[in-house]
Amino acid sequence: MHSPSHYHRLRSRFTPAIPRLILIAESPPISGKYFYDVNGEPSEPLFRAVMTDILKIEPSTKEAGLVALRHAGIVLLDATYTPLNDGRSDRAKRETIRHDFPKLLKLLRTTIKRKGTPILIVKPNVYREIGPLLEEQEYNVINRGFAVPFPSNGHQGCFAAVVHFLLRDAGWKLR
């Protein structure tokens, strides 16, 4: 398991100067196949879904996709940098996400440069835990009650449909 600073370093190279869209996922996976790790495969579920369903591209490498992501003004953050897919209970996941929420707020304050930047939260459990809290802090969470499933195990089509609807409804467009 890596430290949060390891994940932040990997992401920093591909963070846009002024993000236009913030995606928030649950956590880096225990497998080590982190979204921003250029040594990974473009076929990793969340990476592939973001590339095909949001950017509408099929990059040959993760690095090429991450460069396109940066140019589109999109950044992915995690609710916690403690891998949660390690067999822990749902209750333990909720507690970890809640415990790390102040760290996420600090990260959002340093990442978001324009008030109103849309935030899309991936995974129902993550949305339930932090969506209302971010809305109370007046962040522009565009889920509005819609749970965006993680794009694996047969949920890829639902992920694509919900993301397309929410982004269109929020008026977000690729440049």
N, C-alpha and C. Protein backbone atom coordinates (compact mmCIF):
# COMPACT_ATOMS: atom_id res chain seq x y z
N MET A 1 0.85 -1.18 0.00
CA MET A 1 0.00 0.00 0.00
C MET A 1 0.90 1.25 0.00
N HIS A 2 0.51 2.23 -0.79
CA HIS A 2 1.28 3.46 -0.92
C HIS A 2 0.71 4.55 -0.02
N SER A 3 1.53 5.56 0.22
CA SER A 3 1.09 6.71 1.00
C SER A 3 0.25 7.63 0.12
N PRO A 4 -0.60 8.45 0.73
CA PRO A 4 -1.36 9.42 -0.06
C PRO A 4 -0.46 10.30 -0.93
N SER A 5 0.72 10.67 -0.43
CA SER A 5 1.61 11.53 -1.22
C SER A 5 2.06 10.84 -2.51
N HIS A 6 2.18 9.53 -2.50
CA HIS A 6 2.53 8.79 -3.71
C HIS A 6 1.44 9.00 -4.78
N TYR A 7 0.18 8.85 -4.38
CA TYR A 7 -0.93 9.02 -5.32
C TYR A 7 -1.03 10.48 -5.78
N HIS A 8 -0.79 11.42 -4.88
CA HIS A 8 -0.84 12.84 -5.25
C HIS A 8 0.26 13.17 -6.26
N ARG A 9 1.44 12.59 -6.09
CA ARG A 9 2.53 12.82 -7.05
C ARG A 9 2.16 12.29 -8.43
N LEU A 10 1.60 11.10 -8.49
CA LEU A 10 1.21 10.53 -9.78
C LEU A 10 0.17 11.42 -10.47
N ARG A 11 -0.78 11.93 -9.69
CA ARG A 11 -1.84 12.77 -10.25
C ARG A 11 -1.33 14.15 -10.65
N SER A 12 -0.39 14.71 -9.92
CA SER A 12 0.01 16.10 -10.12
C SER A 12 0.47 16.39 -11.55
N ARG A 13 1.12 15.47 -12.17
CA ARG A 13 1.62 15.66 -13.54
C ARG A 13 0.47 15.87 -14.54
N PHE A 14 -0.70 15.34 -14.19
CA PHE A 14 -1.82 15.39 -15.12
C PHE A 14 -2.98 16.25 -14.63
N THR A 15 -2.75 17.03 -13.58
CA THR A 15 -3.79 17.90 -13.06
C THR A 15 -3.83 19.19 -13.88
N PRO A 16 -4.98 19.52 -14.43
CA PRO A 16 -5.08 20.77 -15.20
C PRO A 16 -4.91 21.99 -14.30
N ALA A 17 -4.39 23.06 -14.87
CA ALA A 17 -4.18 24.29 -14.10
C ALA A 17 -5.52 24.81 -13.55
N ILE A 18 -6.54 24.76 -14.37
CA ILE A 18 -7.87 25.20 -13.96
C ILE A 18 -8.85 24.07 -14.32
N PRO A 19 -9.14 23.20 -13.36
CA PRO A 19 -10.07 22.10 -13.66
C PRO A 19 -11.46 22.60 -14.03
N ARG A 20 -12.04 21.93 -15.02
CA ARG A 20 -13.40 22.23 -15.46
C ARG A 20 -14.40 21.21 -14.95
N LEU A 21 -13.89 20.04 -14.52
CA LEU A 21 -14.74 18.97 -14.00
C LEU A 21 -13.91 18.16 -13.01
N ILE A 22 -14.50 17.90 -11.85
CA ILE A 22 -13.86 17.08 -10.82
C ILE A 22 -14.64 15.77 -10.72
N LEU A 23 -13.94 14.67 -10.84
CA LEU A 23 -14.54 13.37 -10.59
C LEU A 23 -14.02 12.91 -9.23
N ILE A 24 -14.90 12.37 -8.41
CA ILE A 24 -14.48 11.82 -7.12
C ILE A 24 -14.86 10.35 -7.09
N ALA A 25 -13.85 9.51 -6.95
CA ALA A 25 -14.05 8.06 -6.84
C ALA A 25 -13.84 7.66 -5.38
N GLU A 26 -13.91 6.38 -5.12
CA GLU A 26 -13.82 5.90 -3.74
C GLU A 26 -12.39 5.95 -3.19
N SER A 27 -11.49 5.18 -3.80
CA SER A 27 -10.12 5.07 -3.29
C SER A 27 -9.26 4.37 -4.31
N PRO A 28 -7.94 4.49 -4.19
CA PRO A 28 -7.07 3.69 -5.05
C PRO A 28 -7.32 2.21 -4.75
N PRO A 29 -7.25 1.36 -5.76
CA PRO A 29 -7.49 -0.06 -5.52
C PRO A 29 -6.32 -0.74 -4.83
N ILE A 30 -6.61 -1.78 -4.09
CA ILE A 30 -5.59 -2.55 -3.39
C ILE A 30 -4.62 -3.19 -4.39
N SER A 31 -5.07 -3.41 -5.63
CA SER A 31 -4.24 -4.04 -6.66
C SER A 31 -3.05 -3.18 -7.06
N GLY A 32 -3.12 -1.87 -6.75
CA GLY A 32 -2.05 -0.97 -7.16
C GLY A 32 -2.30 -0.37 -8.53
N LYS A 33 -3.36 -0.76 -9.21
CA LYS A 33 -3.67 -0.23 -10.55
C LYS A 33 -4.37 1.11 -10.40
N TYR A 34 -3.60 2.10 -10.07
CA TYR A 34 -4.13 3.43 -9.80
C TYR A 34 -4.45 4.16 -11.10
N PHE A 35 -5.52 4.93 -11.09
CA PHE A 35 -5.98 5.67 -12.26
C PHE A 35 -4.86 6.46 -12.93
N TYR A 36 -4.03 7.13 -12.15
CA TYR A 36 -2.98 8.00 -12.69
C TYR A 36 -1.63 7.32 -12.87
N ASP A 37 -1.56 6.02 -12.72
CA ASP A 37 -0.29 5.31 -12.91
C ASP A 37 -0.12 5.00 -14.39
N VAL A 38 0.84 5.66 -15.03
CA VAL A 38 1.05 5.49 -16.47
C VAL A 38 1.51 4.09 -16.84
N ASN A 39 1.95 3.31 -15.87
CA ASN A 39 2.38 1.95 -16.14
C ASN A 39 1.21 0.96 -16.20
N GLY A 40 0.02 1.44 -15.93
CA GLY A 40 -1.16 0.59 -16.00
C GLY A 40 -1.65 0.42 -17.43
N GLU A 41 -2.78 -0.23 -17.53
CA GLU A 41 -3.38 -0.52 -18.84
C GLU A 41 -4.58 0.39 -19.10
N PRO A 42 -4.75 0.84 -20.35
CA PRO A 42 -5.92 1.66 -20.67
C PRO A 42 -7.24 0.90 -20.52
N SER A 43 -7.17 -0.41 -20.34
CA SER A 43 -8.38 -1.22 -20.19
C SER A 43 -8.88 -1.29 -18.75
N GLU A 44 -8.18 -0.66 -17.80
CA GLU A 44 -8.65 -0.66 -16.41
C GLU A 44 -10.05 -0.03 -16.39
N PRO A 45 -11.00 -0.62 -15.65
CA PRO A 45 -12.41 -0.24 -15.78
C PRO A 45 -12.73 1.25 -15.66
N LEU A 46 -12.32 1.90 -14.61
CA LEU A 46 -12.67 3.32 -14.45
C LEU A 46 -11.96 4.17 -15.50
N PHE A 47 -10.71 3.87 -15.76
CA PHE A 47 -9.96 4.63 -16.76
C PHE A 47 -10.63 4.51 -18.13
N ARG A 48 -10.93 3.28 -18.52
CA ARG A 48 -11.56 3.06 -19.83
C ARG A 48 -12.91 3.79 -19.91
N ALA A 49 -13.70 3.72 -18.85
CA ALA A 49 -15.01 4.37 -18.87
C ALA A 49 -14.88 5.89 -18.98
N VAL A 50 -13.95 6.47 -18.27
CA VAL A 50 -13.74 7.93 -18.36
C VAL A 50 -13.29 8.30 -19.77
N MET A 51 -12.40 7.51 -20.33
CA MET A 51 -11.91 7.81 -21.68
C MET A 51 -13.03 7.70 -22.71
N THR A 52 -13.77 6.60 -22.69
CA THR A 52 -14.77 6.37 -23.73
C THR A 52 -16.08 7.12 -23.50
N ASP A 53 -16.50 7.24 -22.24
CA ASP A 53 -17.81 7.82 -21.97
C ASP A 53 -17.79 9.32 -21.71
N ILE A 54 -16.65 9.86 -21.32
CA ILE A 54 -16.57 11.31 -21.08
C ILE A 54 -15.73 11.98 -22.17
N LEU A 55 -14.53 11.46 -22.41
CA LEU A 55 -13.66 12.08 -23.42
C LEU A 55 -13.96 11.62 -24.83
N LYS A 56 -14.64 10.48 -24.97
CA LYS A 56 -14.98 9.92 -26.29
C LYS A 56 -13.73 9.57 -27.09
N ILE A 57 -12.72 9.00 -26.41
CA ILE A 57 -11.49 8.57 -27.07
C ILE A 57 -11.12 7.16 -26.62
N GLU A 58 -10.24 6.53 -27.37
CA GLU A 58 -9.68 5.24 -26.99
C GLU A 58 -8.17 5.34 -27.11
N PRO A 59 -7.52 5.83 -26.06
CA PRO A 59 -6.07 6.03 -26.13
C PRO A 59 -5.32 4.70 -26.17
N SER A 60 -4.17 4.70 -26.82
CA SER A 60 -3.36 3.48 -26.92
C SER A 60 -2.57 3.23 -25.63
N THR A 61 -2.33 4.29 -24.86
CA THR A 61 -1.61 4.15 -23.59
C THR A 61 -2.32 4.97 -22.52
N LYS A 62 -2.06 4.64 -21.27
CA LYS A 62 -2.63 5.44 -20.19
C LYS A 62 -2.08 6.85 -20.22
N GLU A 63 -0.80 6.98 -20.52
CA GLU A 63 -0.22 8.31 -20.54
C GLU A 63 -0.92 9.20 -21.57
N ALA A 64 -1.18 8.67 -22.75
CA ALA A 64 -1.87 9.45 -23.78
C ALA A 64 -3.26 9.85 -23.30
N GLY A 65 -3.95 8.95 -22.64
CA GLY A 65 -5.27 9.26 -22.10
C GLY A 65 -5.22 10.30 -21.00
N LEU A 66 -4.22 10.19 -20.13
CA LEU A 66 -4.08 11.15 -19.03
C LEU A 66 -3.74 12.54 -19.54
N VAL A 67 -2.95 12.61 -20.60
CA VAL A 67 -2.66 13.91 -21.20
C VAL A 67 -3.95 14.51 -21.79
N ALA A 68 -4.74 13.69 -22.44
CA ALA A 68 -6.02 14.17 -22.99
C ALA A 68 -6.96 14.61 -21.87
N LEU A 69 -6.95 13.89 -20.77
CA LEU A 69 -7.77 14.24 -19.61
C LEU A 69 -7.38 15.62 -19.08
N ARG A 70 -6.08 15.84 -18.94
CA ARG A 70 -5.58 17.13 -18.46
C ARG A 70 -6.01 18.24 -19.42
N HIS A 71 -5.85 18.01 -20.72
CA HIS A 71 -6.23 19.04 -21.71
C HIS A 71 -7.73 19.33 -21.70
N ALA A 72 -8.52 18.33 -21.33
CA ALA A 72 -9.97 18.54 -21.24
C ALA A 72 -10.36 19.25 -19.95
N GLY A 73 -9.43 19.37 -19.02
CA GLY A 73 -9.70 20.07 -17.77
C GLY A 73 -10.35 19.20 -16.71
N ILE A 74 -10.12 17.90 -16.79
CA ILE A 74 -10.75 16.95 -15.86
C ILE A 74 -9.70 16.40 -14.90
N VAL A 75 -10.09 16.31 -13.64
CA VAL A 75 -9.21 15.70 -12.63
C VAL A 75 -10.02 14.72 -11.80
N LEU A 76 -9.41 13.59 -11.48
CA LEU A 76 -10.04 12.59 -10.63
C LEU A 76 -9.36 12.60 -9.27
N LEU A 77 -10.17 12.73 -8.24
CA LEU A 77 -9.70 12.66 -6.86
C LEU A 77 -10.36 11.45 -6.21
N ASP A 78 -9.85 11.05 -5.07
CA ASP A 78 -10.47 9.96 -4.33
C ASP A 78 -10.99 10.47 -3.00
N ALA A 79 -12.09 9.87 -2.54
CA ALA A 79 -12.67 10.26 -1.25
C ALA A 79 -11.71 9.95 -0.12
N THR A 80 -10.93 8.89 -0.30
CA THR A 80 -9.88 8.52 0.65
C THR A 80 -8.73 7.90 -0.13
N TYR A 81 -7.54 8.01 0.39
CA TYR A 81 -6.39 7.40 -0.27
C TYR A 81 -5.96 6.13 0.45
N THR A 82 -6.86 5.60 1.26
CA THR A 82 -6.70 4.28 1.87
C THR A 82 -7.48 3.30 0.99
N PRO A 83 -6.83 2.33 0.35
CA PRO A 83 -7.58 1.38 -0.47
C PRO A 83 -8.68 0.68 0.33
N LEU A 84 -9.91 0.74 -0.19
CA LEU A 84 -11.05 0.19 0.54
C LEU A 84 -11.53 -1.15 0.00
N ASN A 85 -11.02 -1.57 -1.14
CA ASN A 85 -11.49 -2.84 -1.70
C ASN A 85 -10.63 -4.01 -1.22
N ASP A 86 -10.39 -4.01 0.08
CA ASP A 86 -9.53 -5.03 0.70
C ASP A 86 -10.33 -6.02 1.54
N GLY A 87 -11.63 -6.07 1.32
CA GLY A 87 -12.46 -7.01 2.07
C GLY A 87 -13.09 -6.42 3.32
N ARG A 88 -12.83 -5.15 3.59
CA ARG A 88 -13.42 -4.54 4.80
C ARG A 88 -14.93 -4.39 4.64
N SER A 89 -15.60 -4.28 5.74
CA SER A 89 -17.06 -4.18 5.75
C SER A 89 -17.51 -2.82 5.20
N ASP A 90 -18.77 -2.76 4.82
CA ASP A 90 -19.34 -1.49 4.35
C ASP A 90 -19.25 -0.43 5.45
N ARG A 91 -19.48 -0.84 6.67
CA ARG A 91 -19.39 0.09 7.80
C ARG A 91 -17.97 0.66 7.92
N ALA A 92 -16.97 -0.19 7.79
CA ALA A 92 -15.57 0.26 7.87
C ALA A 92 -15.24 1.20 6.71
N LYS A 93 -15.80 0.93 5.54
CA LYS A 93 -15.58 1.82 4.39
C LYS A 93 -16.19 3.20 4.68
N ARG A 94 -17.44 3.20 5.18
CA ARG A 94 -18.10 4.47 5.51
C ARG A 94 -17.29 5.25 6.53
N GLU A 95 -16.81 4.58 7.56
CA GLU A 95 -16.04 5.25 8.61
C GLU A 95 -14.75 5.85 8.06
N THR A 96 -14.09 5.13 7.17
CA THR A 96 -12.84 5.63 6.58
C THR A 96 -13.12 6.85 5.71
N ILE A 97 -14.16 6.78 4.90
CA ILE A 97 -14.50 7.91 4.03
C ILE A 97 -14.86 9.13 4.88
N ARG A 98 -15.66 8.94 5.93
CA ARG A 98 -16.02 10.06 6.81
C ARG A 98 -14.80 10.62 7.53
N HIS A 99 -13.94 9.74 8.00
CA HIS A 99 -12.73 10.17 8.71
C HIS A 99 -11.83 11.02 7.81
N ASP A 100 -11.75 10.65 6.52
CA ASP A 100 -10.86 11.35 5.60
C ASP A 100 -11.53 12.53 4.88
N PHE A 101 -12.80 12.79 5.18
CA PHE A 101 -13.51 13.89 4.52
C PHE A 101 -12.80 15.24 4.68
N PRO A 102 -12.29 15.59 5.86
CA PRO A 102 -11.57 16.88 5.96
C PRO A 102 -10.36 16.96 5.01
N LYS A 103 -9.70 15.84 4.77
CA LYS A 103 -8.56 15.83 3.83
C LYS A 103 -9.06 16.06 2.41
N LEU A 104 -10.21 15.48 2.08
CA LEU A 104 -10.79 15.70 0.75
C LEU A 104 -11.16 17.18 0.59
N LEU A 105 -11.76 17.77 1.60
CA LEU A 105 -12.12 19.19 1.53
C LEU A 105 -10.89 20.05 1.28
N LYS A 106 -9.82 19.77 1.98
CA LYS A 106 -8.58 20.52 1.80
C LYS A 106 -8.06 20.35 0.37
N LEU A 107 -8.12 19.13 -0.15
CA LEU A 107 -7.68 18.87 -1.52
C LEU A 107 -8.56 19.60 -2.53
N LEU A 108 -9.86 19.62 -2.30
CA LEU A 108 -10.76 20.35 -3.20
C LEU A 108 -10.47 21.84 -3.17
N ARG A 109 -10.21 22.39 -2.00
CA ARG A 109 -9.91 23.83 -1.90
C ARG A 109 -8.66 24.22 -2.68
N THR A 110 -7.69 23.33 -2.73
CA THR A 110 -6.45 23.64 -3.47
C THR A 110 -6.57 23.30 -4.95
N THR A 111 -7.52 22.45 -5.31
CA THR A 111 -7.67 22.01 -6.70
C THR A 111 -8.62 22.90 -7.49
N ILE A 112 -9.76 23.23 -6.90
CA ILE A 112 -10.78 24.01 -7.60
C ILE A 112 -10.37 25.47 -7.64
N LYS A 113 -10.32 26.02 -8.83
CA LYS A 113 -9.92 27.42 -9.02
C LYS A 113 -11.10 28.34 -9.31
N ARG A 114 -12.23 27.76 -9.73
CA ARG A 114 -13.41 28.55 -10.06
C ARG A 114 -14.62 28.03 -9.29
N LYS A 115 -15.29 28.95 -8.63
CA LYS A 115 -16.51 28.59 -7.91
C LYS A 115 -17.51 27.99 -8.90
N GLY A 116 -18.16 26.95 -8.48
CA GLY A 116 -19.16 26.33 -9.34
C GLY A 116 -18.64 25.21 -10.22
N THR A 117 -17.36 24.89 -10.12
CA THR A 117 -16.81 23.79 -10.91
C THR A 117 -17.62 22.52 -10.61
N PRO A 118 -18.13 21.86 -11.65
CA PRO A 118 -18.95 20.68 -11.40
C PRO A 118 -18.14 19.52 -10.80
N ILE A 119 -18.77 18.82 -9.87
CA ILE A 119 -18.19 17.64 -9.24
C ILE A 119 -19.13 16.47 -9.49
N LEU A 120 -18.58 15.38 -9.99
CA LEU A 120 -19.35 14.16 -10.23
C LEU A 120 -18.76 13.06 -9.36
N ILE A 121 -19.59 12.49 -8.50
CA ILE A 121 -19.14 11.46 -7.56
C ILE A 121 -19.50 10.08 -8.11
N VAL A 122 -18.48 9.21 -8.18
CA VAL A 122 -18.65 7.85 -8.69
C VAL A 122 -18.77 6.89 -7.51
N LYS A 123 -19.69 5.98 -7.59
CA LYS A 123 -20.02 4.92 -6.64
C LYS A 123 -21.08 5.39 -5.66
N PRO A 124 -22.15 4.64 -5.57
CA PRO A 124 -23.26 5.01 -4.68
C PRO A 124 -22.85 5.21 -3.23
N ASN A 125 -22.00 4.36 -2.71
CA ASN A 125 -21.61 4.51 -1.30
C ASN A 125 -20.84 5.80 -1.06
N VAL A 126 -20.04 6.20 -2.02
CA VAL A 126 -19.27 7.44 -1.89
C VAL A 126 -20.23 8.64 -1.95
N TYR A 127 -21.16 8.59 -2.89
CA TYR A 127 -22.13 9.68 -3.00
C TYR A 127 -22.95 9.83 -1.72
N ARG A 128 -23.41 8.71 -1.17
CA ARG A 128 -24.20 8.77 0.07
C ARG A 128 -23.41 9.39 1.22
N GLU A 129 -22.12 9.08 1.30
CA GLU A 129 -21.32 9.57 2.42
C GLU A 129 -20.91 11.03 2.27
N ILE A 130 -20.50 11.44 1.07
CA ILE A 130 -19.94 12.79 0.95
C ILE A 130 -20.75 13.75 0.10
N GLY A 131 -21.67 13.24 -0.71
CA GLY A 131 -22.46 14.14 -1.57
C GLY A 131 -23.18 15.22 -0.77
N PRO A 132 -23.99 14.84 0.21
CA PRO A 132 -24.69 15.86 1.00
C PRO A 132 -23.73 16.79 1.76
N LEU A 133 -22.62 16.25 2.23
CA LEU A 133 -21.64 17.08 2.95
C LEU A 133 -21.01 18.13 2.03
N LEU A 134 -20.71 17.73 0.80
CA LEU A 134 -20.15 18.69 -0.16
C LEU A 134 -21.19 19.73 -0.56
N GLU A 135 -22.44 19.30 -0.71
CA GLU A 135 -23.50 20.25 -1.04
C GLU A 135 -23.69 21.26 0.09
N GLU A 136 -23.59 20.81 1.34
CA GLU A 136 -23.67 21.73 2.48
C GLU A 136 -22.56 22.77 2.44
N GLN A 137 -21.41 22.38 1.90
CA GLN A 137 -20.26 23.28 1.77
C GLN A 137 -20.36 24.13 0.49
N GLU A 138 -21.50 24.00 -0.22
CA GLU A 138 -21.81 24.76 -1.43
C GLU A 138 -20.93 24.40 -2.62
N TYR A 139 -20.51 23.14 -2.67
CA TYR A 139 -19.84 22.64 -3.88
C TYR A 139 -20.91 22.23 -4.88
N ASN A 140 -20.58 22.31 -6.16
CA ASN A 140 -21.51 22.02 -7.24
C ASN A 140 -21.51 20.52 -7.58
N VAL A 141 -22.12 19.73 -6.71
CA VAL A 141 -22.23 18.29 -6.93
C VAL A 141 -23.36 18.06 -7.92
N ILE A 142 -23.04 17.53 -9.10
CA ILE A 142 -24.05 17.41 -10.15
C ILE A 142 -24.81 16.09 -10.12
N ASN A 143 -24.49 15.20 -9.21
CA ASN A 143 -25.22 13.92 -9.11
C ASN A 143 -26.71 14.14 -8.84
N ARG A 144 -27.02 15.12 -7.99
CA ARG A 144 -28.40 15.45 -7.65
C ARG A 144 -29.27 14.22 -7.35
N GLY A 145 -28.77 13.36 -6.51
CA GLY A 145 -29.54 12.19 -6.12
C GLY A 145 -29.28 10.96 -6.97
N PHE A 146 -28.59 11.10 -8.08
CA PHE A 146 -28.29 9.96 -8.93
C PHE A 146 -26.99 9.30 -8.47
N ALA A 147 -27.05 8.02 -8.26
CA ALA A 147 -25.85 7.27 -7.89
C ALA A 147 -25.19 6.78 -9.18
N VAL A 148 -23.94 7.12 -9.36
CA VAL A 148 -23.19 6.70 -10.53
C VAL A 148 -22.45 5.41 -10.16
N PRO A 149 -22.80 4.29 -10.82
CA PRO A 149 -22.15 3.03 -10.46
C PRO A 149 -20.69 2.99 -10.94
N PHE A 150 -19.90 2.17 -10.28
CA PHE A 150 -18.54 1.94 -10.76
C PHE A 150 -18.65 1.12 -12.05
N PRO A 151 -17.91 1.49 -13.09
CA PRO A 151 -18.09 0.86 -14.40
C PRO A 151 -17.41 -0.51 -14.55
N SER A 152 -17.86 -1.47 -13.77
CA SER A 152 -17.36 -2.84 -13.93
C SER A 152 -18.49 -3.80 -13.54
N ASN A 153 -18.23 -5.07 -13.71
CA ASN A 153 -19.20 -6.11 -13.32
C ASN A 153 -20.59 -5.89 -13.91
N GLY A 154 -20.65 -5.50 -15.18
CA GLY A 154 -21.93 -5.31 -15.86
C GLY A 154 -22.55 -3.94 -15.70
N HIS A 155 -21.90 -3.03 -14.99
CA HIS A 155 -22.46 -1.69 -14.78
C HIS A 155 -21.92 -0.65 -15.76
N GLN A 156 -21.17 -1.08 -16.76
CA GLN A 156 -20.55 -0.14 -17.69
C GLN A 156 -21.60 0.68 -18.45
N GLY A 157 -22.65 0.03 -18.93
CA GLY A 157 -23.70 0.74 -19.67
C GLY A 157 -24.45 1.73 -18.80
N CYS A 158 -24.73 1.36 -17.57
CA CYS A 158 -25.41 2.27 -16.64
C CYS A 158 -24.51 3.46 -16.32
N PHE A 159 -23.22 3.20 -16.09
CA PHE A 159 -22.27 4.28 -15.85
C PHE A 159 -22.32 5.27 -17.01
N ALA A 160 -22.22 4.75 -18.24
CA ALA A 160 -22.21 5.62 -19.42
C ALA A 160 -23.49 6.44 -19.51
N ALA A 161 -24.64 5.82 -19.32
CA ALA A 161 -25.92 6.52 -19.44
C ALA A 161 -26.08 7.60 -18.37
N VAL A 162 -25.78 7.26 -17.13
CA VAL A 162 -25.96 8.22 -16.04
C VAL A 162 -24.98 9.39 -16.18
N VAL A 163 -23.72 9.09 -16.49
CA VAL A 163 -22.72 10.14 -16.65
C VAL A 163 -23.11 11.06 -17.80
N HIS A 164 -23.53 10.48 -18.92
CA HIS A 164 -23.93 11.29 -20.07
C HIS A 164 -25.09 12.22 -19.69
N PHE A 165 -26.10 11.68 -19.01
CA PHE A 165 -27.25 12.48 -18.60
C PHE A 165 -26.83 13.60 -17.65
N LEU A 166 -26.04 13.28 -16.63
CA LEU A 166 -25.67 14.29 -15.63
C LEU A 166 -24.79 15.38 -16.22
N LEU A 167 -23.85 15.01 -17.06
CA LEU A 167 -22.97 16.03 -17.67
C LEU A 167 -23.76 16.92 -18.62
N ARG A 168 -24.63 16.31 -19.41
CA ARG A 168 -25.46 17.10 -20.33
C ARG A 168 -26.37 18.05 -19.55
N ASP A 169 -27.00 17.53 -18.50
CA ASP A 169 -27.90 18.32 -17.69
C ASP A 169 -27.18 19.47 -17.00
N ALA A 170 -25.91 19.25 -16.65
CA ALA A 170 -25.11 20.30 -15.99
C ALA A 170 -24.53 21.30 -17.00
N GLY A 171 -24.73 21.02 -18.29
CA GLY A 171 -24.21 21.93 -19.33
C GLY A 171 -22.73 21.79 -19.57
N TRP A 172 -22.16 20.68 -19.12
CA TRP A 172 -20.71 20.48 -19.29
C TRP A 172 -20.45 19.90 -20.67
N LYS A 173 -19.48 20.51 -21.37
CA LYS A 173 -19.12 20.05 -22.72
C LYS A 173 -17.62 19.96 -22.85
N LEU A 174 -17.18 19.01 -23.65
CA LEU A 174 -15.76 18.95 -24.01
C LEU A 174 -15.45 20.18 -24.86
N ARG A 175 -14.26 20.63 -24.75
CA ARG A 175 -13.85 21.78 -25.59
C ARG A 175 -13.61 21.33 -26.99
